[in-house]
Amino acid sequence: MQKKVISEAVVKRLPKYYRAVKNLSDQGINKISSNALAEMLGITASQVRQDFCNFGGFGQQGYGYDVAKLKQELATIMGLDHDYNVVIVGAGNIGRALGGYQGFEKYGFKVRAMFDSNPVIDNVGGIKVYNMSQFESYVKDNTVDMAVIATPKAAAQSVADRIIGSGIKSIWNFAPIDLEVPDYVSIENISMSESLLVLSYRTKNNV
């Protein structure tokens, strides 16, 4: 059976749905209507129902959505029902900030190691920092699901090539460059400068 293709727009809304539903669950709210959920997210109820129909739909007409069940379903859809082993390449300011952030673990993303071409520290928050020369041997001996690139722009593509060559197929890229990767590799490019420029535009134009 051919796998259903979900649009990128729907995929990008999934974390927003999950965060909203998690907040409802934390507040002890047991059910929510599509109208109320849509209002929380600034979209239409029709959009909520249409998005959820991509995954079979979770609501019951006249009742709405069971919050606990919806939270579990969304977690499963996004793969949050199991843990991921993560490595970070680049132990500069961004890499150290990511390595020291404790919030990833609550979603199951566990940073196991960091790598740098010229390590000046041994560990970040208890996470060992290895020389980049040890990268391939580490990946060979350990299960790694995702790699984070937190290197300067000039090094990012060669680092990505080494990551892919080692068999890792998921990359979170913080380097200010759009990387070239094969179609079978999942990559999320995070551009902090672009985000700041968007904020600058909105600030100037009061939008």
N, C-alpha and C. Protein backbone atom coordinates (compact mmCIF):
# COMPACT_ATOMS: atom_id res chain seq x y z
N MET A 1 0.84 -1.19 0.00
CA MET A 1 0.00 0.00 0.00
C MET A 1 0.88 1.25 0.00
N GLN A 2 0.56 2.24 -0.86
CA GLN A 2 1.34 3.45 -0.96
C GLN A 2 1.10 4.33 0.26
N LYS A 3 2.20 4.83 0.83
CA LYS A 3 2.10 5.67 2.01
C LYS A 3 1.52 7.03 1.65
N LYS A 4 0.57 7.51 2.45
CA LYS A 4 -0.06 8.79 2.19
C LYS A 4 0.94 9.91 2.42
N VAL A 5 0.99 10.85 1.49
CA VAL A 5 1.89 11.99 1.61
C VAL A 5 1.17 13.12 2.35
N ILE A 6 1.75 13.55 3.46
CA ILE A 6 1.18 14.63 4.25
C ILE A 6 1.90 15.92 3.88
N SER A 7 1.15 16.99 3.64
CA SER A 7 1.77 18.24 3.22
C SER A 7 2.65 18.82 4.32
N GLU A 8 3.67 19.57 3.90
CA GLU A 8 4.60 20.18 4.84
C GLU A 8 3.88 21.15 5.78
N ALA A 9 2.85 21.83 5.29
CA ALA A 9 2.10 22.76 6.12
C ALA A 9 1.43 22.05 7.29
N VAL A 10 0.86 20.87 7.01
CA VAL A 10 0.22 20.09 8.07
C VAL A 10 1.27 19.61 9.07
N VAL A 11 2.40 19.12 8.56
CA VAL A 11 3.48 18.63 9.43
C VAL A 11 3.94 19.73 10.38
N LYS A 12 4.06 20.96 9.87
CA LYS A 12 4.54 22.07 10.70
C LYS A 12 3.50 22.51 11.72
N ARG A 13 2.23 22.17 11.50
CA ARG A 13 1.21 22.50 12.51
C ARG A 13 1.13 21.46 13.62
N LEU A 14 1.63 20.25 13.38
CA LEU A 14 1.53 19.19 14.38
C LEU A 14 2.13 19.58 15.73
N PRO A 15 3.35 20.16 15.77
CA PRO A 15 3.90 20.55 17.09
C PRO A 15 3.04 21.58 17.81
N LYS A 16 2.39 22.46 17.03
CA LYS A 16 1.52 23.47 17.65
C LYS A 16 0.29 22.81 18.26
N TYR A 17 -0.26 21.83 17.55
CA TYR A 17 -1.38 21.07 18.12
C TYR A 17 -0.94 20.36 19.40
N TYR A 18 0.22 19.72 19.32
CA TYR A 18 0.70 18.95 20.48
C TYR A 18 0.93 19.86 21.68
N ARG A 19 1.57 21.01 21.46
CA ARG A 19 1.83 21.93 22.57
C ARG A 19 0.53 22.42 23.19
N ALA A 20 -0.46 22.74 22.35
CA ALA A 20 -1.75 23.22 22.86
C ALA A 20 -2.45 22.14 23.67
N VAL A 21 -2.45 20.92 23.13
CA VAL A 21 -3.14 19.82 23.81
C VAL A 21 -2.41 19.45 25.11
N LYS A 22 -1.08 19.50 25.08
CA LYS A 22 -0.32 19.23 26.31
C LYS A 22 -0.65 20.25 27.38
N ASN A 23 -0.77 21.51 27.00
CA ASN A 23 -1.13 22.55 27.97
C ASN A 23 -2.51 22.30 28.55
N LEU A 24 -3.44 21.87 27.70
CA LEU A 24 -4.78 21.54 28.18
C LEU A 24 -4.73 20.39 29.18
N SER A 25 -3.94 19.37 28.84
CA SER A 25 -3.80 18.21 29.73
C SER A 25 -3.20 18.61 31.07
N ASP A 26 -2.18 19.49 31.02
CA ASP A 26 -1.53 19.95 32.25
C ASP A 26 -2.50 20.75 33.13
N GLN A 27 -3.50 21.36 32.50
CA GLN A 27 -4.49 22.14 33.24
C GLN A 27 -5.65 21.27 33.74
N GLY A 28 -5.61 19.98 33.39
CA GLY A 28 -6.66 19.07 33.83
C GLY A 28 -7.93 19.12 33.00
N ILE A 29 -7.83 19.68 31.79
CA ILE A 29 -8.98 19.75 30.89
C ILE A 29 -9.10 18.44 30.13
N ASN A 30 -10.29 17.85 30.12
CA ASN A 30 -10.47 16.50 29.58
C ASN A 30 -10.93 16.47 28.13
N LYS A 31 -11.61 17.51 27.67
CA LYS A 31 -12.05 17.49 26.29
C LYS A 31 -12.02 18.90 25.71
N ILE A 32 -11.96 18.96 24.37
CA ILE A 32 -11.86 20.24 23.68
C ILE A 32 -12.55 20.10 22.33
N SER A 33 -13.27 21.13 21.92
CA SER A 33 -13.92 21.11 20.61
C SER A 33 -12.95 21.62 19.55
N SER A 34 -13.25 21.32 18.30
CA SER A 34 -12.40 21.81 17.21
C SER A 34 -12.43 23.33 17.16
N ASN A 35 -13.58 23.92 17.50
CA ASN A 35 -13.69 25.38 17.50
C ASN A 35 -12.76 26.00 18.55
N ALA A 36 -12.76 25.43 19.75
CA ALA A 36 -11.94 25.96 20.83
C ALA A 36 -10.46 25.76 20.53
N LEU A 37 -10.11 24.60 19.98
CA LEU A 37 -8.72 24.32 19.65
C LEU A 37 -8.25 25.26 18.53
N ALA A 38 -9.11 25.47 17.55
CA ALA A 38 -8.78 26.38 16.45
C ALA A 38 -8.55 27.79 16.95
N GLU A 39 -9.38 28.24 17.88
CA GLU A 39 -9.23 29.59 18.43
C GLU A 39 -7.90 29.74 19.16
N MET A 40 -7.48 28.69 19.86
CA MET A 40 -6.19 28.73 20.55
C MET A 40 -5.03 28.92 19.59
N LEU A 41 -5.15 28.36 18.38
CA LEU A 41 -4.06 28.36 17.42
C LEU A 41 -4.19 29.44 16.35
N GLY A 42 -5.31 30.16 16.36
CA GLY A 42 -5.50 31.21 15.37
C GLY A 42 -5.79 30.71 13.98
N ILE A 43 -6.43 29.54 13.89
CA ILE A 43 -6.83 28.98 12.59
C ILE A 43 -8.32 28.66 12.65
N THR A 44 -8.86 28.04 11.59
CA THR A 44 -10.28 27.73 11.57
C THR A 44 -10.53 26.31 12.07
N ALA A 45 -11.74 26.09 12.56
CA ALA A 45 -12.12 24.74 13.01
C ALA A 45 -12.09 23.77 11.84
N SER A 46 -12.45 24.26 10.66
CA SER A 46 -12.40 23.41 9.47
C SER A 46 -10.98 22.94 9.18
N GLN A 47 -10.00 23.83 9.39
CA GLN A 47 -8.60 23.47 9.19
C GLN A 47 -8.17 22.39 10.17
N VAL A 48 -8.59 22.53 11.43
CA VAL A 48 -8.26 21.52 12.45
C VAL A 48 -8.80 20.16 12.03
N ARG A 49 -10.07 20.12 11.67
CA ARG A 49 -10.69 18.84 11.29
C ARG A 49 -10.03 18.27 10.04
N GLN A 50 -9.73 19.12 9.09
CA GLN A 50 -9.09 18.67 7.84
C GLN A 50 -7.70 18.10 8.13
N ASP A 51 -6.93 18.78 8.99
CA ASP A 51 -5.59 18.30 9.35
C ASP A 51 -5.67 16.94 10.02
N PHE A 52 -6.58 16.80 10.97
CA PHE A 52 -6.68 15.54 11.71
C PHE A 52 -7.20 14.40 10.84
N CYS A 53 -7.98 14.74 9.81
CA CYS A 53 -8.50 13.70 8.91
C CYS A 53 -7.38 13.03 8.12
N ASN A 54 -6.23 13.72 7.99
CA ASN A 54 -5.07 13.11 7.33
C ASN A 54 -4.59 11.88 8.09
N PHE A 55 -4.93 11.81 9.38
CA PHE A 55 -4.47 10.71 10.22
C PHE A 55 -5.63 9.87 10.76
N GLY A 56 -6.78 10.01 10.11
CA GLY A 56 -7.93 9.19 10.49
C GLY A 56 -8.96 9.92 11.32
N GLY A 57 -8.62 11.10 11.82
CA GLY A 57 -9.57 11.86 12.66
C GLY A 57 -9.62 11.31 14.07
N PHE A 58 -9.75 12.19 15.04
CA PHE A 58 -9.71 11.76 16.44
C PHE A 58 -10.94 12.18 17.23
N GLY A 59 -11.81 12.97 16.62
CA GLY A 59 -12.95 13.51 17.36
C GLY A 59 -14.21 12.69 17.21
N GLN A 60 -15.21 13.09 17.95
CA GLN A 60 -16.52 12.45 17.89
C GLN A 60 -17.55 13.57 17.78
N GLN A 61 -18.37 13.54 16.74
CA GLN A 61 -19.32 14.61 16.49
C GLN A 61 -20.22 14.83 17.70
N GLY A 62 -20.32 16.09 18.11
CA GLY A 62 -21.14 16.42 19.26
C GLY A 62 -20.43 16.28 20.59
N TYR A 63 -19.20 15.76 20.56
CA TYR A 63 -18.44 15.57 21.80
C TYR A 63 -17.13 16.34 21.76
N GLY A 64 -16.47 16.34 20.61
CA GLY A 64 -15.16 16.99 20.51
C GLY A 64 -14.04 15.98 20.64
N TYR A 65 -12.92 16.43 21.14
CA TYR A 65 -11.73 15.58 21.26
C TYR A 65 -11.43 15.26 22.72
N ASP A 66 -11.17 14.00 22.97
CA ASP A 66 -10.67 13.58 24.28
C ASP A 66 -9.21 14.03 24.37
N VAL A 67 -8.90 14.91 25.31
CA VAL A 67 -7.58 15.54 25.36
C VAL A 67 -6.46 14.52 25.57
N ALA A 68 -6.65 13.60 26.50
CA ALA A 68 -5.61 12.60 26.78
C ALA A 68 -5.35 11.73 25.56
N LYS A 69 -6.43 11.30 24.90
CA LYS A 69 -6.27 10.46 23.72
C LYS A 69 -5.63 11.23 22.58
N LEU A 70 -6.04 12.49 22.39
CA LEU A 70 -5.48 13.31 21.31
C LEU A 70 -3.99 13.55 21.54
N LYS A 71 -3.62 13.81 22.78
CA LYS A 71 -2.20 14.00 23.11
C LYS A 71 -1.39 12.76 22.77
N GLN A 72 -1.93 11.58 23.12
CA GLN A 72 -1.24 10.33 22.84
C GLN A 72 -1.14 10.08 21.33
N GLU A 73 -2.23 10.34 20.61
CA GLU A 73 -2.23 10.13 19.16
C GLU A 73 -1.23 11.04 18.47
N LEU A 74 -1.18 12.30 18.87
CA LEU A 74 -0.24 13.24 18.26
C LEU A 74 1.20 12.86 18.57
N ALA A 75 1.44 12.42 19.80
CA ALA A 75 2.79 11.98 20.18
C ALA A 75 3.24 10.80 19.32
N THR A 76 2.33 9.87 19.07
CA THR A 76 2.64 8.70 18.25
C THR A 76 2.91 9.12 16.81
N ILE A 77 2.08 10.00 16.27
CA ILE A 77 2.24 10.47 14.90
C ILE A 77 3.60 11.13 14.71
N MET A 78 4.03 11.91 15.70
CA MET A 78 5.30 12.63 15.58
C MET A 78 6.50 11.81 16.05
N GLY A 79 6.25 10.57 16.47
CA GLY A 79 7.35 9.72 16.87
C GLY A 79 7.88 10.01 18.26
N LEU A 80 7.04 10.63 19.10
CA LEU A 80 7.47 10.96 20.45
C LEU A 80 7.19 9.84 21.45
N ASP A 81 6.81 8.68 20.93
CA ASP A 81 6.51 7.54 21.80
C ASP A 81 7.74 6.68 22.04
N HIS A 82 8.92 7.13 21.60
CA HIS A 82 10.16 6.44 21.94
C HIS A 82 11.31 7.44 21.93
N ASP A 83 12.45 7.03 22.45
CA ASP A 83 13.60 7.93 22.59
C ASP A 83 14.47 7.96 21.33
N TYR A 84 15.21 9.05 21.18
CA TYR A 84 16.17 9.20 20.09
C TYR A 84 17.54 9.54 20.66
N ASN A 85 18.56 8.90 20.14
CA ASN A 85 19.94 9.22 20.52
C ASN A 85 20.47 10.28 19.56
N VAL A 86 20.98 11.36 20.13
CA VAL A 86 21.39 12.52 19.35
C VAL A 86 22.86 12.84 19.63
N VAL A 87 23.58 13.27 18.58
CA VAL A 87 24.94 13.80 18.75
C VAL A 87 24.96 15.22 18.18
N ILE A 88 25.82 16.05 18.75
CA ILE A 88 25.98 17.43 18.30
C ILE A 88 27.39 17.60 17.75
N VAL A 89 27.48 18.14 16.54
CA VAL A 89 28.79 18.43 15.94
C VAL A 89 28.99 19.94 16.01
N GLY A 90 30.02 20.34 16.75
CA GLY A 90 30.27 21.76 16.97
C GLY A 90 30.07 22.09 18.43
N ALA A 91 31.15 22.41 19.13
CA ALA A 91 31.06 22.71 20.56
C ALA A 91 31.35 24.17 20.84
N GLY A 92 30.93 25.03 19.91
CA GLY A 92 31.03 26.47 20.12
C GLY A 92 29.84 26.96 20.94
N ASN A 93 29.52 28.24 20.82
CA ASN A 93 28.46 28.82 21.64
C ASN A 93 27.11 28.13 21.42
N ILE A 94 26.73 27.94 20.14
CA ILE A 94 25.43 27.32 19.86
C ILE A 94 25.44 25.87 20.29
N GLY A 95 26.49 25.15 19.96
CA GLY A 95 26.57 23.74 20.33
C GLY A 95 26.50 23.54 21.83
N ARG A 96 27.22 24.37 22.58
CA ARG A 96 27.21 24.25 24.04
C ARG A 96 25.84 24.59 24.61
N ALA A 97 25.19 25.60 24.01
CA ALA A 97 23.84 25.96 24.47
C ALA A 97 22.86 24.82 24.25
N LEU A 98 22.95 24.19 23.08
CA LEU A 98 22.07 23.05 22.78
C LEU A 98 22.40 21.86 23.68
N GLY A 99 23.69 21.60 23.88
CA GLY A 99 24.08 20.48 24.72
C GLY A 99 23.68 20.65 26.17
N GLY A 100 23.63 21.91 26.63
CA GLY A 100 23.28 22.17 28.01
C GLY A 100 21.80 22.33 28.26
N TYR A 101 21.01 22.34 27.19
CA TYR A 101 19.56 22.54 27.35
C TYR A 101 18.89 21.25 27.80
N GLN A 102 18.18 21.32 28.93
CA GLN A 102 17.57 20.11 29.50
C GLN A 102 16.20 19.78 28.90
N GLY A 103 15.62 20.73 28.16
CA GLY A 103 14.25 20.53 27.68
C GLY A 103 14.08 19.47 26.62
N PHE A 104 15.17 19.10 25.92
CA PHE A 104 15.03 18.09 24.87
C PHE A 104 14.63 16.73 25.42
N GLU A 105 15.13 16.41 26.62
CA GLU A 105 14.91 15.07 27.18
C GLU A 105 13.44 14.78 27.44
N LYS A 106 12.66 15.80 27.75
CA LYS A 106 11.24 15.54 28.06
C LYS A 106 10.48 15.07 26.83
N TYR A 107 11.05 15.30 25.64
CA TYR A 107 10.44 14.80 24.41
C TYR A 107 11.13 13.53 23.91
N GLY A 108 12.12 13.07 24.66
CA GLY A 108 12.78 11.82 24.29
C GLY A 108 14.04 11.98 23.47
N PHE A 109 14.52 13.22 23.29
CA PHE A 109 15.75 13.45 22.54
C PHE A 109 16.92 13.52 23.52
N LYS A 110 17.76 12.52 23.48
CA LYS A 110 18.84 12.39 24.46
C LYS A 110 20.19 12.64 23.78
N VAL A 111 20.83 13.73 24.14
CA VAL A 111 22.14 14.07 23.59
C VAL A 111 23.18 13.18 24.25
N ARG A 112 23.82 12.33 23.46
CA ARG A 112 24.76 11.34 23.98
C ARG A 112 26.22 11.76 23.88
N ALA A 113 26.54 12.61 22.89
CA ALA A 113 27.94 13.00 22.69
C ALA A 113 28.00 14.27 21.86
N MET A 114 29.14 14.98 21.99
CA MET A 114 29.40 16.15 21.17
C MET A 114 30.76 15.98 20.49
N PHE A 115 30.92 16.64 19.36
CA PHE A 115 32.17 16.54 18.60
C PHE A 115 32.61 17.93 18.16
N ASP A 116 33.93 18.11 18.09
CA ASP A 116 34.46 19.39 17.64
C ASP A 116 35.83 19.13 17.00
N SER A 117 36.17 19.93 16.00
CA SER A 117 37.46 19.75 15.33
C SER A 117 38.63 20.14 16.22
N ASN A 118 38.34 21.00 17.20
CA ASN A 118 39.39 21.43 18.13
C ASN A 118 38.77 21.64 19.51
N PRO A 119 38.45 20.54 20.20
CA PRO A 119 37.76 20.67 21.49
C PRO A 119 38.61 21.41 22.52
N VAL A 120 37.99 22.39 23.17
CA VAL A 120 38.70 23.12 24.22
C VAL A 120 38.14 22.80 25.60
N ILE A 121 37.06 22.01 25.63
CA ILE A 121 36.47 21.54 26.88
C ILE A 121 36.23 20.05 26.78
N ASP A 122 36.19 19.37 27.94
CA ASP A 122 35.99 17.92 27.96
C ASP A 122 34.54 17.52 27.89
N ASN A 123 33.65 18.35 28.46
CA ASN A 123 32.24 17.98 28.47
C ASN A 123 31.37 19.22 28.59
N VAL A 124 30.11 19.05 28.24
CA VAL A 124 29.11 20.11 28.37
C VAL A 124 27.95 19.53 29.18
N GLY A 125 27.82 19.97 30.40
CA GLY A 125 26.74 19.45 31.25
C GLY A 125 26.79 17.95 31.42
N GLY A 126 27.98 17.39 31.44
CA GLY A 126 28.13 15.95 31.59
C GLY A 126 28.18 15.19 30.28
N ILE A 127 27.99 15.87 29.16
CA ILE A 127 28.06 15.23 27.85
C ILE A 127 29.49 15.33 27.35
N LYS A 128 30.10 14.20 27.05
CA LYS A 128 31.50 14.18 26.64
C LYS A 128 31.69 14.83 25.27
N VAL A 129 32.74 15.64 25.15
CA VAL A 129 33.10 16.26 23.87
C VAL A 129 34.29 15.51 23.28
N TYR A 130 34.08 14.92 22.10
CA TYR A 130 35.12 14.16 21.41
C TYR A 130 35.73 14.99 20.30
N ASN A 131 36.93 14.62 19.89
CA ASN A 131 37.52 15.20 18.70
C ASN A 131 36.77 14.66 17.48
N MET A 132 36.59 15.51 16.47
CA MET A 132 35.84 15.11 15.28
C MET A 132 36.47 13.90 14.59
N SER A 133 37.75 13.69 14.81
CA SER A 133 38.42 12.53 14.20
C SER A 133 37.84 11.22 14.70
N GLN A 134 37.11 11.26 15.83
CA GLN A 134 36.53 10.05 16.42
C GLN A 134 35.08 9.85 16.01
N PHE A 135 34.56 10.72 15.16
CA PHE A 135 33.13 10.71 14.85
C PHE A 135 32.68 9.38 14.25
N GLU A 136 33.31 8.96 13.17
CA GLU A 136 32.87 7.74 12.48
C GLU A 136 32.96 6.51 13.38
N SER A 137 34.02 6.42 14.16
CA SER A 137 34.17 5.25 15.03
C SER A 137 33.11 5.26 16.13
N TYR A 138 32.76 6.46 16.63
CA TYR A 138 31.72 6.55 17.65
C TYR A 138 30.37 6.08 17.09
N VAL A 139 30.03 6.58 15.91
CA VAL A 139 28.74 6.22 15.31
C VAL A 139 28.70 4.73 15.00
N LYS A 140 29.83 4.17 14.61
CA LYS A 140 29.88 2.74 14.32
C LYS A 140 29.61 1.91 15.56
N ASP A 141 30.07 2.39 16.73
CA ASP A 141 29.96 1.63 17.97
C ASP A 141 28.72 1.97 18.79
N ASN A 142 27.99 3.00 18.39
CA ASN A 142 26.83 3.45 19.17
C ASN A 142 25.65 3.73 18.25
N THR A 143 24.46 3.55 18.76
CA THR A 143 23.26 3.87 18.00
C THR A 143 23.04 5.37 18.02
N VAL A 144 23.00 5.98 16.83
CA VAL A 144 22.76 7.41 16.72
C VAL A 144 21.61 7.63 15.73
N ASP A 145 20.56 8.29 16.19
CA ASP A 145 19.38 8.50 15.35
C ASP A 145 19.40 9.84 14.63
N MET A 146 19.98 10.85 15.28
CA MET A 146 19.98 12.19 14.72
C MET A 146 21.30 12.88 15.02
N ALA A 147 21.67 13.81 14.12
CA ALA A 147 22.85 14.63 14.35
C ALA A 147 22.48 16.09 14.23
N VAL A 148 23.05 16.89 15.10
CA VAL A 148 22.86 18.34 15.08
C VAL A 148 24.14 18.98 14.55
N ILE A 149 24.01 19.87 13.59
CA ILE A 149 25.17 20.60 13.08
C ILE A 149 25.15 22.01 13.67
N ALA A 150 26.18 22.32 14.46
CA ALA A 150 26.30 23.64 15.09
C ALA A 150 27.69 24.20 14.80
N THR A 151 28.12 24.04 13.57
CA THR A 151 29.46 24.46 13.15
C THR A 151 29.38 25.79 12.41
N PRO A 152 30.52 26.42 12.13
CA PRO A 152 30.52 27.58 11.23
C PRO A 152 30.05 27.17 9.83
N LYS A 153 29.60 28.15 9.08
CA LYS A 153 29.06 27.91 7.73
C LYS A 153 30.04 27.15 6.84
N ALA A 154 31.32 27.52 6.89
CA ALA A 154 32.30 26.95 5.98
C ALA A 154 32.49 25.45 6.17
N ALA A 155 32.25 24.97 7.38
CA ALA A 155 32.47 23.55 7.67
C ALA A 155 31.22 22.71 7.55
N ALA A 156 30.06 23.34 7.45
CA ALA A 156 28.80 22.63 7.59
C ALA A 156 28.56 21.56 6.54
N GLN A 157 28.83 21.85 5.26
CA GLN A 157 28.55 20.86 4.21
C GLN A 157 29.43 19.64 4.35
N SER A 158 30.70 19.84 4.63
CA SER A 158 31.60 18.68 4.79
C SER A 158 31.20 17.86 6.01
N VAL A 159 30.76 18.53 7.07
CA VAL A 159 30.27 17.81 8.25
C VAL A 159 29.03 17.01 7.90
N ALA A 160 28.11 17.63 7.15
CA ALA A 160 26.89 16.92 6.74
C ALA A 160 27.24 15.69 5.91
N ASP A 161 28.21 15.82 5.02
CA ASP A 161 28.63 14.68 4.20
C ASP A 161 29.16 13.54 5.07
N ARG A 162 29.91 13.88 6.10
CA ARG A 162 30.43 12.85 7.01
C ARG A 162 29.32 12.21 7.82
N ILE A 163 28.38 13.02 8.25
CA ILE A 163 27.23 12.49 9.01
C ILE A 163 26.45 11.49 8.16
N ILE A 164 26.14 11.88 6.92
CA ILE A 164 25.38 11.01 6.02
C ILE A 164 26.20 9.77 5.68
N GLY A 165 27.50 9.94 5.46
CA GLY A 165 28.37 8.81 5.15
C GLY A 165 28.43 7.80 6.27
N SER A 166 28.19 8.26 7.50
CA SER A 166 28.24 7.35 8.65
C SER A 166 26.93 6.59 8.83
N GLY A 167 25.91 6.96 8.04
CA GLY A 167 24.63 6.24 8.09
C GLY A 167 23.52 6.96 8.81
N ILE A 168 23.76 8.15 9.33
CA ILE A 168 22.72 8.93 10.00
C ILE A 168 21.85 9.61 8.94
N LYS A 169 20.53 9.52 9.11
CA LYS A 169 19.61 10.01 8.08
C LYS A 169 18.74 11.18 8.54
N SER A 170 19.00 11.72 9.73
CA SER A 170 18.23 12.86 10.23
C SER A 170 19.20 13.92 10.74
N ILE A 171 19.06 15.15 10.24
CA ILE A 171 19.98 16.23 10.58
C ILE A 171 19.19 17.48 10.99
N TRP A 172 19.62 18.08 12.09
CA TRP A 172 19.09 19.36 12.55
C TRP A 172 20.21 20.37 12.35
N ASN A 173 20.05 21.28 11.40
CA ASN A 173 21.15 22.16 10.99
C ASN A 173 20.99 23.58 11.51
N PHE A 174 21.95 24.02 12.33
CA PHE A 174 21.95 25.38 12.84
C PHE A 174 22.98 26.26 12.12
N ALA A 175 23.75 25.69 11.21
CA ALA A 175 24.70 26.48 10.44
C ALA A 175 23.93 27.36 9.45
N PRO A 176 24.38 28.59 9.21
CA PRO A 176 23.64 29.52 8.34
C PRO A 176 23.84 29.22 6.85
N ILE A 177 23.43 28.02 6.46
CA ILE A 177 23.55 27.60 5.06
C ILE A 177 22.56 26.47 4.81
N ASP A 178 21.94 26.48 3.62
CA ASP A 178 21.06 25.38 3.24
C ASP A 178 21.94 24.26 2.67
N LEU A 179 21.93 23.13 3.33
CA LEU A 179 22.83 22.04 2.98
C LEU A 179 22.25 21.18 1.86
N GLU A 180 23.12 20.62 1.07
CA GLU A 180 22.72 19.68 0.02
C GLU A 180 22.81 18.27 0.57
N VAL A 181 21.67 17.60 0.60
CA VAL A 181 21.63 16.23 1.13
C VAL A 181 20.79 15.36 0.19
N PRO A 182 21.00 14.04 0.20
CA PRO A 182 20.19 13.14 -0.63
C PRO A 182 18.72 13.17 -0.19
N ASP A 183 17.85 12.74 -1.08
CA ASP A 183 16.41 12.76 -0.80
C ASP A 183 16.03 11.89 0.39
N TYR A 184 16.83 10.85 0.67
CA TYR A 184 16.47 9.95 1.75
C TYR A 184 16.86 10.49 3.13
N VAL A 185 17.52 11.64 3.16
CA VAL A 185 17.93 12.26 4.42
C VAL A 185 16.92 13.33 4.82
N SER A 186 16.45 13.28 6.05
CA SER A 186 15.55 14.30 6.58
C SER A 186 16.39 15.40 7.21
N ILE A 187 16.14 16.64 6.82
CA ILE A 187 16.92 17.76 7.36
C ILE A 187 16.00 18.91 7.71
N GLU A 188 16.27 19.54 8.83
CA GLU A 188 15.55 20.73 9.25
C GLU A 188 16.59 21.84 9.43
N ASN A 189 16.49 22.88 8.59
CA ASN A 189 17.43 23.99 8.66
C ASN A 189 16.86 25.08 9.56
N ILE A 190 17.62 25.47 10.56
CA ILE A 190 17.19 26.50 11.49
C ILE A 190 18.02 27.76 11.22
N SER A 191 17.38 28.79 10.69
CA SER A 191 18.09 30.04 10.38
C SER A 191 17.67 31.11 11.37
N MET A 192 18.51 31.35 12.37
CA MET A 192 18.19 32.35 13.37
C MET A 192 18.23 33.76 12.79
N SER A 193 19.15 33.99 11.84
CA SER A 193 19.24 35.32 11.24
C SER A 193 17.99 35.64 10.41
N GLU A 194 17.49 34.65 9.66
CA GLU A 194 16.28 34.88 8.87
C GLU A 194 15.10 35.17 9.77
N SER A 195 15.00 34.43 10.87
CA SER A 195 13.92 34.66 11.82
C SER A 195 14.00 36.07 12.40
N LEU A 196 15.21 36.52 12.69
CA LEU A 196 15.39 37.87 13.23
C LEU A 196 15.01 38.92 12.20
N LEU A 197 15.32 38.68 10.91
CA LEU A 197 14.96 39.63 9.87
C LEU A 197 13.45 39.70 9.68
N VAL A 198 12.77 38.57 9.83
CA VAL A 198 11.30 38.58 9.77
C VAL A 198 10.75 39.42 10.91
N LEU A 199 11.33 39.25 12.10
CA LEU A 199 10.89 40.03 13.27
C LEU A 199 11.15 41.52 13.03
N SER A 200 12.29 41.84 12.40
CA SER A 200 12.61 43.24 12.08
C SER A 200 11.56 43.84 11.17
N TYR A 201 11.16 43.06 10.14
CA TYR A 201 10.13 43.53 9.21
C TYR A 201 8.82 43.80 9.96
N ARG A 202 8.43 42.85 10.82
CA ARG A 202 7.16 43.00 11.54
C ARG A 202 7.21 44.17 12.51
N THR A 203 8.37 44.40 13.11
CA THR A 203 8.52 45.51 14.04
C THR A 203 8.38 46.84 13.29
N LYS A 204 9.06 46.94 12.15
CA LYS A 204 8.99 48.18 11.38
C LYS A 204 7.59 48.47 10.86
N ASN A 205 6.89 47.40 10.45
CA ASN A 205 5.58 47.58 9.83
C ASN A 205 4.41 47.35 10.77
N ASN A 206 4.72 47.15 12.06
CA ASN A 206 3.68 46.97 13.08
C ASN A 206 2.70 45.85 12.72
N VAL A 207 3.28 44.70 12.28
CA VAL A 207 2.43 43.55 11.94
C VAL A 207 2.83 42.36 12.77
